[in-house]
Amino acid sequence: MYHSIQDLIDQANSRQLPLSQVILENEMAFTDKTEQEVYESLDRHYEVMTASAQKALAQPQEMIGGLISGQAAKQHNYGQALSGDYLNNVMAMALSGSEVNAAMGLVCAAPTGGASGVLPAVLLATGQKLGSTRKQLLNALLVASGVGAVITKNATVSGAEGGCQAECGAAGAMGAAAIVSLAGGSPEACANAVAIALMNCMGLVCDPVAGMVQLPCSYRNASQAVNAIISADMALAGQDSVIPADEVIEAMYRVGKQLPVELRETALGGIAASKTAKHIASKLTNGELNSYCVDKTLSRP
């Protein structure tokens, strides 16, 4: 059993095993599943992730309000990305996952539905970039799940409890560790990536427009997917987070508790309290929001 990121590192190093093997053995013991059964479950989850990350790239998804319908296709078709094809692909797939979630499609909540675009995007795009095998990708998914389990146990992954840092931020940390493992990084590098990713979004609030998991959620899925990649790159370059990952997770939890209720998924603060957001919420209440989203003709207040 492991109870912290440091536990994972210590067990991996003392037994000279990759993090994925430590997490795999814990999963087998916890669920009473065989190794084959665990990998079969991982494979099913990965299939759902793949589908959600690709579904909206060509076909905008229909949803109540439609605030983010077509975002993924627009990003996917953008051929002049200053950030390069890799990062643009990551952003597009993260936006796709958000669209599918908002359209009530099938997603893998990793760690939540609102953050479900992050991990699929970084796994798929990085796997393509590195030429990773399916087994390597599933092992990276194991590493991500182990990090997510620690954050869930010692902090929170609920936006209502800890803000978006606990949802998209946690997903970014999970993705950062997964990328490091895919690239052959050490357990220590995985931990540094987790810490750096969470530092980069410390204090990120949860302020959904009209209370719907669309805006700014989709953009935060894209930004935290990119955060996962740059955090992994810094860790792989040998950057030391200085503050241990477990202490950063603890700090994230404390910060979340200190956020006022208006900034924890209540749609009472942040951009949800802006004039335009309030107008959108009013239109939604009156059943007029779809016309705004389809025609973009809603006059702003």
C-alpha atoms as a PDB file:
ATOM      1  CA  MET A   1       0.000   0.000   0.000  1.00  0.00           C
ATOM      2  CA  TYR A   2       1.087   3.582  -0.537  1.00  0.00           C
ATOM      3  CA  HIS A   3      -0.228   6.713   1.121  1.00  0.00           C
ATOM      4  CA  SER A   4       1.830   9.474  -0.475  1.00  0.00           C
ATOM      5  CA  ILE A   5       3.966  10.304  -3.487  1.00  0.00           C
ATOM      6  CA  GLN A   6       7.037   9.734  -1.317  1.00  0.00           C
ATOM      7  CA  ASP A   7       5.734   6.265  -0.440  1.00  0.00           C
ATOM      8  CA  LEU A   8       5.555   5.468  -4.130  1.00  0.00           C
ATOM      9  CA  ILE A   9       9.096   6.712  -4.751  1.00  0.00           C
ATOM     10  CA  ASP A  10      10.515   4.811  -1.771  1.00  0.00           C
ATOM     11  CA  GLN A  11       8.858   1.556  -2.767  1.00  0.00           C
ATOM     12  CA  ALA A  12       9.908   1.877  -6.386  1.00  0.00           C
ATOM     13  CA  ASN A  13      13.509   2.636  -5.486  1.00  0.00           C
ATOM     14  CA  SER A  14      13.888   0.093  -2.697  1.00  0.00           C
ATOM     15  CA  ARG A  15      12.522  -2.679  -4.905  1.00  0.00           C
ATOM     16  CA  GLN A  16      14.082  -1.323  -8.098  1.00  0.00           C
ATOM     17  CA  LEU A  17      10.708  -1.288  -9.841  1.00  0.00           C
ATOM     18  CA  PRO A  18       9.016   1.294 -12.052  1.00  0.00           C
ATOM     19  CA  LEU A  19       6.228   3.278 -10.415  1.00  0.00           C
ATOM     20  CA  SER A  20       3.699   1.553 -12.638  1.00  0.00           C
ATOM     21  CA  GLN A  21       4.571  -1.852 -11.183  1.00  0.00           C
ATOM     22  CA  VAL A  22       4.163  -0.635  -7.608  1.00  0.00           C
ATOM     23  CA  ILE A  23       0.782   0.855  -8.463  1.00  0.00           C
ATOM     24  CA  LEU A  24      -0.233  -2.254 -10.407  1.00  0.00           C
ATOM     25  CA  GLU A  25       0.512  -4.540  -7.465  1.00  0.00           C
ATOM     26  CA  ASN A  26      -1.439  -2.263  -5.132  1.00  0.00           C
ATOM     27  CA  GLU A  27      -4.404  -2.284  -7.515  1.00  0.00           C
ATOM     28  CA  MET A  28      -4.327  -6.073  -7.696  1.00  0.00           C
ATOM     29  CA  ALA A  29      -4.273  -6.342  -3.908  1.00  0.00           C
ATOM     30  CA  PHE A  30      -6.963  -3.718  -3.412  1.00  0.00           C
ATOM     31  CA  THR A  31      -9.407  -5.051  -6.015  1.00  0.00           C
ATOM     32  CA  ASP A  32      -8.508  -8.747  -5.873  1.00  0.00           C
ATOM     33  CA  LYS A  33      -8.019  -8.675  -9.652  1.00  0.00           C
ATOM     34  CA  THR A  34      -5.361 -10.488 -11.625  1.00  0.00           C
ATOM     35  CA  GLU A  35      -2.743  -8.558 -13.580  1.00  0.00           C
ATOM     36  CA  GLN A  36      -4.559  -9.424 -16.790  1.00  0.00           C
ATOM     37  CA  GLU A  37      -7.865  -8.155 -15.403  1.00  0.00           C
ATOM     38  CA  VAL A  38      -6.294  -4.864 -14.322  1.00  0.00           C
ATOM     39  CA  TYR A  39      -4.801  -4.314 -17.764  1.00  0.00           C
ATOM     40  CA  GLU A  40      -8.075  -5.240 -19.437  1.00  0.00           C
ATOM     41  CA  SER A  41      -9.808  -2.587 -17.326  1.00  0.00           C
ATOM     42  CA  LEU A  42      -7.106  -0.054 -18.174  1.00  0.00           C
ATOM     43  CA  ASP A  43      -7.501  -0.870 -21.837  1.00  0.00           C
ATOM     44  CA  ARG A  44     -11.249  -0.241 -21.701  1.00  0.00           C
ATOM     45  CA  HIS A  45     -10.665   3.089 -20.015  1.00  0.00           C
ATOM     46  CA  TYR A  46      -8.027   3.996 -22.591  1.00  0.00           C
ATOM     47  CA  GLU A  47     -10.467   3.203 -25.401  1.00  0.00           C
ATOM     48  CA  VAL A  48     -13.017   5.588 -23.888  1.00  0.00           C
ATOM     49  CA  MET A  49     -10.299   8.231 -23.549  1.00  0.00           C
ATOM     50  CA  THR A  50      -9.256   7.792 -27.166  1.00  0.00           C
ATOM     51  CA  ALA A  51     -12.824   8.124 -28.405  1.00  0.00           C
ATOM     52  CA  SER A  52     -13.578  11.240 -26.360  1.00  0.00           C
ATOM     53  CA  ALA A  53     -10.319  12.917 -27.393  1.00  0.00           C
ATOM     54  CA  GLN A  54     -11.107  12.441 -31.080  1.00  0.00           C
ATOM     55  CA  LYS A  55     -14.898  12.588 -31.354  1.00  0.00           C
ATOM     56  CA  ALA A  56     -15.281  16.366 -31.575  1.00  0.00           C
ATOM     57  CA  LEU A  57     -12.246  17.056 -33.771  1.00  0.00           C
ATOM     58  CA  ALA A  58     -14.327  16.830 -36.927  1.00  0.00           C
ATOM     59  CA  GLN A  59     -17.891  16.957 -35.612  1.00  0.00           C
ATOM     60  CA  PRO A  60     -18.938  19.676 -33.134  1.00  0.00           C
ATOM     61  CA  GLN A  61     -20.965  18.227 -30.282  1.00  0.00           C
ATOM     62  CA  GLU A  62     -24.472  19.404 -29.448  1.00  0.00           C
ATOM     63  CA  MET A  63     -25.142  20.389 -25.849  1.00  0.00           C
ATOM     64  CA  ILE A  64     -27.481  22.516 -23.779  1.00  0.00           C
ATOM     65  CA  GLY A  65     -26.499  26.103 -24.472  1.00  0.00           C
ATOM     66  CA  GLY A  66     -23.754  25.040 -26.851  1.00  0.00           C
ATOM     67  CA  LEU A  67     -21.211  27.446 -25.360  1.00  0.00           C
ATOM     68  CA  ILE A  68     -18.239  25.289 -26.396  1.00  0.00           C
ATOM     69  CA  SER A  69     -19.655  23.449 -29.407  1.00  0.00           C
ATOM     70  CA  GLY A  70     -17.109  23.449 -32.237  1.00  0.00           C
ATOM     71  CA  GLN A  71     -14.090  24.489 -30.174  1.00  0.00           C
ATOM     72  CA  ALA A  72     -12.180  21.265 -30.776  1.00  0.00           C
ATOM     73  CA  ALA A  73     -12.688  21.314 -34.551  1.00  0.00           C
ATOM     74  CA  LYS A  74     -11.624  24.945 -34.719  1.00  0.00           C
ATOM     75  CA  GLN A  75      -8.377  24.190 -32.863  1.00  0.00           C
ATOM     76  CA  HIS A  76      -7.796  20.995 -34.819  1.00  0.00           C
ATOM     77  CA  ASN A  77      -8.070  22.868 -38.120  1.00  0.00           C
ATOM     78  CA  TYR A  78      -5.742  25.666 -37.038  1.00  0.00           C
ATOM     79  CA  GLY A  79      -2.696  25.130 -39.215  1.00  0.00           C
ATOM     80  CA  GLN A  80      -0.462  27.970 -38.059  1.00  0.00           C
ATOM     81  CA  ALA A  81      -0.030  27.227 -34.369  1.00  0.00           C
ATOM     82  CA  LEU A  82       2.900  29.150 -32.947  1.00  0.00           C
ATOM     83  CA  SER A  83       3.183  26.453 -30.294  1.00  0.00           C
ATOM     84  CA  GLY A  84       3.673  23.750 -32.939  1.00  0.00           C
ATOM     85  CA  ASP A  85       1.650  20.768 -34.082  1.00  0.00           C
ATOM     86  CA  TYR A  86       2.219  18.721 -30.919  1.00  0.00           C
ATOM     87  CA  LEU A  87       0.810  21.265 -28.486  1.00  0.00           C
ATOM     88  CA  ASN A  88      -1.959  22.282 -30.872  1.00  0.00           C
ATOM     89  CA  ASN A  89      -2.983  18.640 -31.133  1.00  0.00           C
ATOM     90  CA  VAL A  90      -2.968  18.373 -27.349  1.00  0.00           C
ATOM     91  CA  MET A  91      -5.185  21.434 -27.013  1.00  0.00           C
ATOM     92  CA  ALA A  92      -7.593  20.211 -29.689  1.00  0.00           C
ATOM     93  CA  MET A  93      -7.997  16.798 -28.071  1.00  0.00           C
ATOM     94  CA  ALA A  94      -8.448  18.310 -24.610  1.00  0.00           C
ATOM     95  CA  LEU A  95     -11.173  20.555 -26.021  1.00  0.00           C
ATOM     96  CA  SER A  96     -12.749  17.498 -27.665  1.00  0.00           C
ATOM     97  CA  GLY A  97     -12.952  15.710 -24.324  1.00  0.00           C
ATOM     98  CA  SER A  98     -14.632  18.758 -22.815  1.00  0.00           C
ATOM     99  CA  GLU A  99     -17.158  18.931 -25.632  1.00  0.00           C
ATOM    100  CA  VAL A 100     -18.033  15.261 -25.305  1.00  0.00           C
ATOM    101  CA  ASN A 101     -18.481  15.668 -21.558  1.00  0.00           C
ATOM    102  CA  ALA A 102     -20.702  18.737 -21.980  1.00  0.00           C
ATOM    103  CA  ALA A 103     -22.772  16.849 -24.552  1.00  0.00           C
ATOM    104  CA  MET A 104     -23.387  14.060 -22.028  1.00  0.00           C
ATOM    105  CA  GLY A 105     -21.164  11.696 -23.997  1.00  0.00           C
ATOM    106  CA  LEU A 106     -19.015   8.917 -22.578  1.00  0.00           C
ATOM    107  CA  VAL A 107     -15.813  10.135 -20.926  1.00  0.00           C
ATOM    108  CA  CYS A 108     -13.337   8.785 -18.432  1.00  0.00           C
ATOM    109  CA  ALA A 109     -13.463  10.917 -15.293  1.00  0.00           C
ATOM    110  CA  ALA A 110      -9.758  11.287 -14.632  1.00  0.00           C
ATOM    111  CA  PRO A 111     -10.112  12.513 -12.014  1.00  0.00           C
ATOM    112  CA  THR A 112     -13.479  14.184 -12.785  1.00  0.00           C
ATOM    113  CA  GLY A 113     -15.833  14.707 -15.706  1.00  0.00           C
ATOM    114  CA  GLY A 114     -15.038  18.413 -15.774  1.00  0.00           C
ATOM    115  CA  ALA A 115     -11.333  17.619 -16.169  1.00  0.00           C
ATOM    116  CA  SER A 116     -11.785  14.614 -18.454  1.00  0.00           C
ATOM    117  CA  GLY A 117     -10.104  16.213 -21.458  1.00  0.00           C
ATOM    118  CA  VAL A 118      -6.642  16.577 -19.928  1.00  0.00           C
ATOM    119  CA  LEU A 119      -5.238  13.079 -19.470  1.00  0.00           C
ATOM    120  CA  PRO A 120      -6.536  11.594 -22.753  1.00  0.00           C
ATOM    121  CA  ALA A 121      -5.021  14.483 -24.708  1.00  0.00           C
ATOM    122  CA  VAL A 122      -1.565  14.240 -23.180  1.00  0.00           C
ATOM    123  CA  LEU A 123      -1.461  10.454 -23.356  1.00  0.00           C
ATOM    124  CA  LEU A 124      -2.558  10.218 -26.973  1.00  0.00           C
ATOM    125  CA  ALA A 125      -0.467  13.077 -28.303  1.00  0.00           C
ATOM    126  CA  THR A 126       2.663  12.140 -26.370  1.00  0.00           C
ATOM    127  CA  GLY A 127       2.259   8.472 -27.219  1.00  0.00           C
ATOM    128  CA  GLN A 128       2.119   9.411 -30.896  1.00  0.00           C
ATOM    129  CA  LYS A 129       5.137  11.689 -30.563  1.00  0.00           C
ATOM    130  CA  LEU A 130       7.252   9.064 -28.782  1.00  0.00           C
ATOM    131  CA  GLY A 131       5.959   6.052 -30.713  1.00  0.00           C
ATOM    132  CA  SER A 132       4.850   4.443 -27.449  1.00  0.00           C
ATOM    133  CA  THR A 133       3.416   0.939 -27.376  1.00  0.00           C
ATOM    134  CA  ARG A 134      -0.050   0.222 -26.003  1.00  0.00           C
ATOM    135  CA  LYS A 135       1.513  -1.421 -22.931  1.00  0.00           C
ATOM    136  CA  GLN A 136       3.651   1.647 -22.282  1.00  0.00           C
ATOM    137  CA  LEU A 137       0.586   3.872 -22.515  1.00  0.00           C
ATOM    138  CA  LEU A 138      -1.341   1.672 -20.097  1.00  0.00           C
ATOM    139  CA  ASN A 139       1.589   1.757 -17.679  1.00  0.00           C
ATOM    140  CA  ALA A 140       1.592   5.554 -17.943  1.00  0.00           C
ATOM    141  CA  LEU A 141      -2.119   5.470 -17.182  1.00  0.00           C
ATOM    142  CA  LEU A 142      -1.308   3.421 -14.086  1.00  0.00           C
ATOM    143  CA  VAL A 143       1.154   6.091 -12.961  1.00  0.00           C
ATOM    144  CA  ALA A 144      -1.463   8.794 -13.508  1.00  0.00           C
ATOM    145  CA  SER A 145      -3.999   6.810 -11.501  1.00  0.00           C
ATOM    146  CA  GLY A 146      -1.559   6.387  -8.630  1.00  0.00           C
ATOM    147  CA  VAL A 147      -0.954  10.129  -8.488  1.00  0.00           C
ATOM    148  CA  GLY A 148      -4.698  10.761  -8.664  1.00  0.00           C
ATOM    149  CA  ALA A 149      -5.299   8.324  -5.827  1.00  0.00           C
ATOM    150  CA  VAL A 150      -2.806  10.146  -3.601  1.00  0.00           C
ATOM    151  CA  ILE A 151      -4.347  13.547  -4.365  1.00  0.00           C
ATOM    152  CA  THR A 152      -7.829  12.178  -3.686  1.00  0.00           C
ATOM    153  CA  LYS A 153      -6.726  10.602  -0.402  1.00  0.00           C
ATOM    154  CA  ASN A 154      -4.676  13.505   0.955  1.00  0.00           C
ATOM    155  CA  ALA A 155      -6.444  16.492  -0.606  1.00  0.00           C
ATOM    156  CA  THR A 156      -9.417  16.681  -2.997  1.00  0.00           C
ATOM    157  CA  VAL A 157     -10.318  16.491  -6.679  1.00  0.00           C
ATOM    158  CA  SER A 158     -13.619  18.286  -6.213  1.00  0.00           C
ATOM    159  CA  GLY A 159     -14.075  21.754  -7.677  1.00  0.00           C
ATOM    160  CA  ALA A 160     -16.818  22.398  -5.136  1.00  0.00           C
ATOM    161  CA  GLU A 161     -14.330  21.739  -2.363  1.00  0.00           C
ATOM    162  CA  GLY A 162     -11.037  22.995  -3.744  1.00  0.00           C
ATOM    163  CA  GLY A 163     -11.601  25.017  -6.912  1.00  0.00           C
ATOM    164  CA  CYS A 164     -10.451  24.128 -10.402  1.00  0.00           C
ATOM    165  CA  GLN A 165      -6.908  23.574  -9.127  1.00  0.00           C
ATOM    166  CA  ALA A 166      -8.331  20.391  -7.610  1.00  0.00           C
ATOM    167  CA  GLU A 167      -9.943  19.250 -10.869  1.00  0.00           C
ATOM    168  CA  CYS A 168      -8.071  20.394 -13.966  1.00  0.00           C
ATOM    169  CA  GLY A 169      -4.989  21.049 -11.839  1.00  0.00           C
ATOM    170  CA  ALA A 170      -4.986  17.524 -10.448  1.00  0.00           C
ATOM    171  CA  ALA A 171      -5.543  16.176 -13.960  1.00  0.00           C
ATOM    172  CA  GLY A 172      -2.543  18.195 -15.122  1.00  0.00           C
ATOM    173  CA  ALA A 173      -0.407  16.736 -12.335  1.00  0.00           C
ATOM    174  CA  MET A 174      -1.545  13.233 -13.225  1.00  0.00           C
ATOM    175  CA  GLY A 175      -0.757  13.884 -16.874  1.00  0.00           C
ATOM    176  CA  ALA A 176       2.669  15.314 -16.068  1.00  0.00           C
ATOM    177  CA  ALA A 177       3.654  12.170 -14.162  1.00  0.00           C
ATOM    178  CA  ALA A 178       2.306   9.995 -16.976  1.00  0.00           C
ATOM    179  CA  ILE A 179       4.381  11.851 -19.572  1.00  0.00           C
ATOM    180  CA  VAL A 180       7.552  11.552 -17.513  1.00  0.00           C
ATOM    181  CA  SER A 181       7.021   7.815 -17.161  1.00  0.00           C
ATOM    182  CA  LEU A 182       6.351   7.486 -20.913  1.00  0.00           C
ATOM    183  CA  ALA A 183       9.624   9.286 -21.593  1.00  0.00           C
ATOM    184  CA  GLY A 184      11.545   6.949 -19.267  1.00  0.00           C
ATOM    185  CA  GLY A 185      11.980   9.405 -16.416  1.00  0.00           C
ATOM    186  CA  SER A 186      12.783   8.381 -12.857  1.00  0.00           C
ATOM    187  CA  PRO A 187      10.273   8.167  -9.992  1.00  0.00           C
ATOM    188  CA  GLU A 188      11.801  11.367  -8.597  1.00  0.00           C
ATOM    189  CA  ALA A 189      11.235  13.116 -11.928  1.00  0.00           C
ATOM    190  CA  CYS A 190       7.592  12.003 -11.877  1.00  0.00           C
ATOM    191  CA  ALA A 191       7.193  13.523  -8.412  1.00  0.00           C
ATOM    192  CA  ASN A 192       8.856  16.768  -9.493  1.00  0.00           C
ATOM    193  CA  ALA A 193       6.496  16.971 -12.467  1.00  0.00           C
ATOM    194  CA  VAL A 194       3.501  16.554 -10.162  1.00  0.00           C
ATOM    195  CA  ALA A 195       4.730  19.308  -7.856  1.00  0.00           C
ATOM    196  CA  ILE A 196       5.556  21.715 -10.685  1.00  0.00           C
ATOM    197  CA  ALA A 197       2.204  21.161 -12.404  1.00  0.00           C
ATOM    198  CA  LEU A 198       0.276  21.896  -9.208  1.00  0.00           C
ATOM    199  CA  MET A 199       2.430  24.926  -8.412  1.00  0.00           C
ATOM    200  CA  ASN A 200       1.620  26.301 -11.850  1.00  0.00           C
ATOM    201  CA  CYS A 201      -2.124  26.388 -11.151  1.00  0.00           C
ATOM    202  CA  MET A 202      -2.191  26.957  -7.398  1.00  0.00           C
ATOM    203  CA  GLY A 203      -5.310  28.902  -6.472  1.00  0.00           C
ATOM    204  CA  LEU A 204      -7.158  28.272  -9.758  1.00  0.00           C
ATOM    205  CA  VAL A 205     -10.825  28.956  -9.024  1.00  0.00           C
ATOM    206  CA  CYS A 206     -13.939  27.161 -10.239  1.00  0.00           C
ATOM    207  CA  ASP A 207     -16.376  29.643 -11.779  1.00  0.00           C
ATOM    208  CA  PRO A 208     -18.555  27.933 -14.415  1.00  0.00           C
ATOM    209  CA  VAL A 209     -20.638  30.269 -16.542  1.00  0.00           C
ATOM    210  CA  ALA A 210     -24.347  29.653 -15.892  1.00  0.00           C
ATOM    211  CA  GLY A 211     -23.338  26.737 -13.682  1.00  0.00           C
ATOM    212  CA  MET A 212     -22.577  24.552 -16.711  1.00  0.00           C
ATOM    213  CA  VAL A 213     -19.367  22.579 -17.162  1.00  0.00           C
ATOM    214  CA  GLN A 214     -18.491  24.357 -20.401  1.00  0.00           C
ATOM    215  CA  LEU A 215     -16.826  27.730 -19.856  1.00  0.00           C
ATOM    216  CA  PRO A 216     -14.137  28.275 -18.688  1.00  0.00           C
ATOM    217  CA  CYS A 217     -13.787  24.530 -18.110  1.00  0.00           C
ATOM    218  CA  SER A 218     -12.885  23.647 -21.685  1.00  0.00           C
ATOM    219  CA  TYR A 219     -10.114  26.228 -21.904  1.00  0.00           C
ATOM    220  CA  ARG A 220      -8.739  25.056 -18.584  1.00  0.00           C
ATOM    221  CA  ASN A 221      -8.674  21.491 -19.853  1.00  0.00           C
ATOM    222  CA  ALA A 222      -6.559  22.695 -22.781  1.00  0.00           C
ATOM    223  CA  SER A 223      -4.293  24.873 -20.652  1.00  0.00           C
ATOM    224  CA  GLN A 224      -3.740  22.226 -17.996  1.00  0.00           C
ATOM    225  CA  ALA A 225      -2.934  19.640 -20.687  1.00  0.00           C
ATOM    226  CA  VAL A 226      -0.209  22.004 -21.888  1.00  0.00           C
ATOM    227  CA  ASN A 227       0.798  22.588 -18.262  1.00  0.00           C
ATOM    228  CA  ALA A 228       1.266  18.830 -17.902  1.00  0.00           C
ATOM    229  CA  ILE A 229       3.652  18.780 -20.839  1.00  0.00           C
ATOM    230  CA  ILE A 230       5.803  21.729 -19.832  1.00  0.00           C
ATOM    231  CA  SER A 231       5.934  20.482 -16.239  1.00  0.00           C
ATOM    232  CA  ALA A 232       7.068  17.073 -17.477  1.00  0.00           C
ATOM    233  CA  ASP A 233       9.706  18.692 -19.680  1.00  0.00           C
ATOM    234  CA  MET A 234      11.054  20.710 -16.768  1.00  0.00           C
ATOM    235  CA  ALA A 235      11.219  17.622 -14.585  1.00  0.00           C
ATOM    236  CA  LEU A 236      12.886  15.587 -17.341  1.00  0.00           C
ATOM    237  CA  ALA A 237      15.428  18.400 -17.746  1.00  0.00           C
ATOM    238  CA  GLY A 238      16.411  17.854 -14.119  1.00  0.00           C
ATOM    239  CA  GLN A 239      14.490  20.699 -12.522  1.00  0.00           C
ATOM    240  CA  ASP A 240      13.885  20.111  -8.815  1.00  0.00           C
ATOM    241  CA  SER A 241      10.531  21.302  -7.494  1.00  0.00           C
ATOM    242  CA  VAL A 242      12.329  22.066  -4.182  1.00  0.00           C
ATOM    243  CA  ILE A 243       9.029  21.678  -2.327  1.00  0.00           C
ATOM    244  CA  PRO A 244       8.164  17.942  -2.175  1.00  0.00           C
ATOM    245  CA  ALA A 245       5.124  16.865  -4.159  1.00  0.00           C
ATOM    246  CA  ASP A 246       3.246  15.778  -1.033  1.00  0.00           C
ATOM    247  CA  GLU A 247       3.702  19.211   0.528  1.00  0.00           C
ATOM    248  CA  VAL A 248       2.477  20.870  -2.662  1.00  0.00           C
ATOM    249  CA  ILE A 249      -0.605  18.631  -2.628  1.00  0.00           C
ATOM    250  CA  GLU A 250      -1.203  19.606   0.996  1.00  0.00           C
ATOM    251  CA  ALA A 251      -0.804  23.292   0.107  1.00  0.00           C
ATOM    252  CA  MET A 252      -3.286  22.922  -2.753  1.00  0.00           C
ATOM    253  CA  TYR A 253      -5.802  21.472  -0.317  1.00  0.00           C
ATOM    254  CA  ARG A 254      -5.301  24.319   2.159  1.00  0.00           C
ATOM    255  CA  VAL A 255      -5.649  26.918  -0.567  1.00  0.00           C
ATOM    256  CA  GLY A 256      -8.852  25.269  -1.764  1.00  0.00           C
ATOM    257  CA  LYS A 257     -10.313  25.434   1.719  1.00  0.00           C
ATOM    258  CA  GLN A 258      -9.419  29.133   1.884  1.00  0.00           C
ATOM    259  CA  LEU A 259     -11.240  29.958  -1.344  1.00  0.00           C
ATOM    260  CA  PRO A 260     -14.559  31.718  -0.719  1.00  0.00           C
ATOM    261  CA  VAL A 261     -17.663  29.743  -1.595  1.00  0.00           C
ATOM    262  CA  GLU A 262     -18.253  32.048  -4.580  1.00  0.00           C
ATOM    263  CA  LEU A 263     -15.122  30.606  -6.218  1.00  0.00           C
ATOM    264  CA  ARG A 264     -15.893  26.936  -5.656  1.00  0.00           C
ATOM    265  CA  GLU A 265     -18.266  25.793  -8.415  1.00  0.00           C
ATOM    266  CA  THR A 266     -21.228  27.869  -7.270  1.00  0.00           C
ATOM    267  CA  ALA A 267     -21.186  30.177 -10.333  1.00  0.00           C
ATOM    268  CA  LEU A 268     -21.418  33.149  -7.964  1.00  0.00           C
ATOM    269  CA  GLY A 269     -17.968  34.617  -8.560  1.00  0.00           C
ATOM    270  CA  GLY A 270     -15.106  34.902 -11.023  1.00  0.00           C
ATOM    271  CA  ILE A 271     -16.116  35.122 -14.670  1.00  0.00           C
ATOM    272  CA  ALA A 272     -19.463  33.529 -13.797  1.00  0.00           C
ATOM    273  CA  ALA A 273     -20.317  36.835 -12.122  1.00  0.00           C
ATOM    274  CA  SER A 274     -19.404  38.949 -15.160  1.00  0.00           C
ATOM    275  CA  LYS A 275     -22.136  40.905 -16.970  1.00  0.00           C
ATOM    276  CA  THR A 276     -22.055  38.682 -20.046  1.00  0.00           C
ATOM    277  CA  ALA A 277     -22.064  35.491 -17.995  1.00  0.00           C
ATOM    278  CA  LYS A 278     -25.081  36.700 -16.030  1.00  0.00           C
ATOM    279  CA  HIS A 279     -26.846  37.540 -19.279  1.00  0.00           C
ATOM    280  CA  ILE A 280     -26.096  34.051 -20.599  1.00  0.00           C
ATOM    281  CA  ALA A 281     -27.480  32.527 -17.396  1.00  0.00           C
ATOM    282  CA  SER A 282     -30.641  34.609 -17.769  1.00  0.00           C
ATOM    283  CA  LYS A 283     -31.082  33.458 -21.363  1.00  0.00           C
ATOM    284  CA  LEU A 284     -30.610  29.860 -20.254  1.00  0.00           C
ATOM    285  CA  THR A 285     -33.304  30.259 -17.614  1.00  0.00           C
ATOM    286  CA  ASN A 286     -35.663  31.671 -20.227  1.00  0.00           C
ATOM    287  CA  GLY A 287     -34.877  28.919 -22.728  1.00  0.00           C
ATOM    288  CA  GLU A 288     -33.223  31.359 -25.152  1.00  0.00           C
ATOM    289  CA  LEU A 289     -29.584  30.297 -24.852  1.00  0.00           C
ATOM    290  CA  ASN A 290     -29.413  28.028 -27.872  1.00  0.00           C
ATOM    291  CA  SER A 291     -30.074  30.941 -30.244  1.00  0.00           C
ATOM    292  CA  TYR A 292     -27.108  32.761 -28.776  1.00  0.00           C
ATOM    293  CA  CYS A 293     -24.837  29.788 -29.150  1.00  0.00           C
ATOM    294  CA  VAL A 294     -25.869  28.925 -32.680  1.00  0.00           C
ATOM    295  CA  ASP A 295     -26.150  32.396 -34.202  1.00  0.00           C
ATOM    296  CA  LYS A 296     -23.949  34.429 -31.840  1.00  0.00           C
ATOM    297  CA  THR A 297     -26.487  37.203 -32.075  1.00  0.00           C
ATOM    298  CA  LEU A 298     -27.073  37.839 -28.398  1.00  0.00           C
ATOM    299  CA  SER A 299     -26.374  41.508 -27.736  1.00  0.00           C
ATOM    300  CA  ARG A 300     -24.067  41.957 -24.804  1.00  0.00           C
ATOM    301  CA  PRO A 301     -25.179  43.998 -21.830  1.00  0.00           C
END
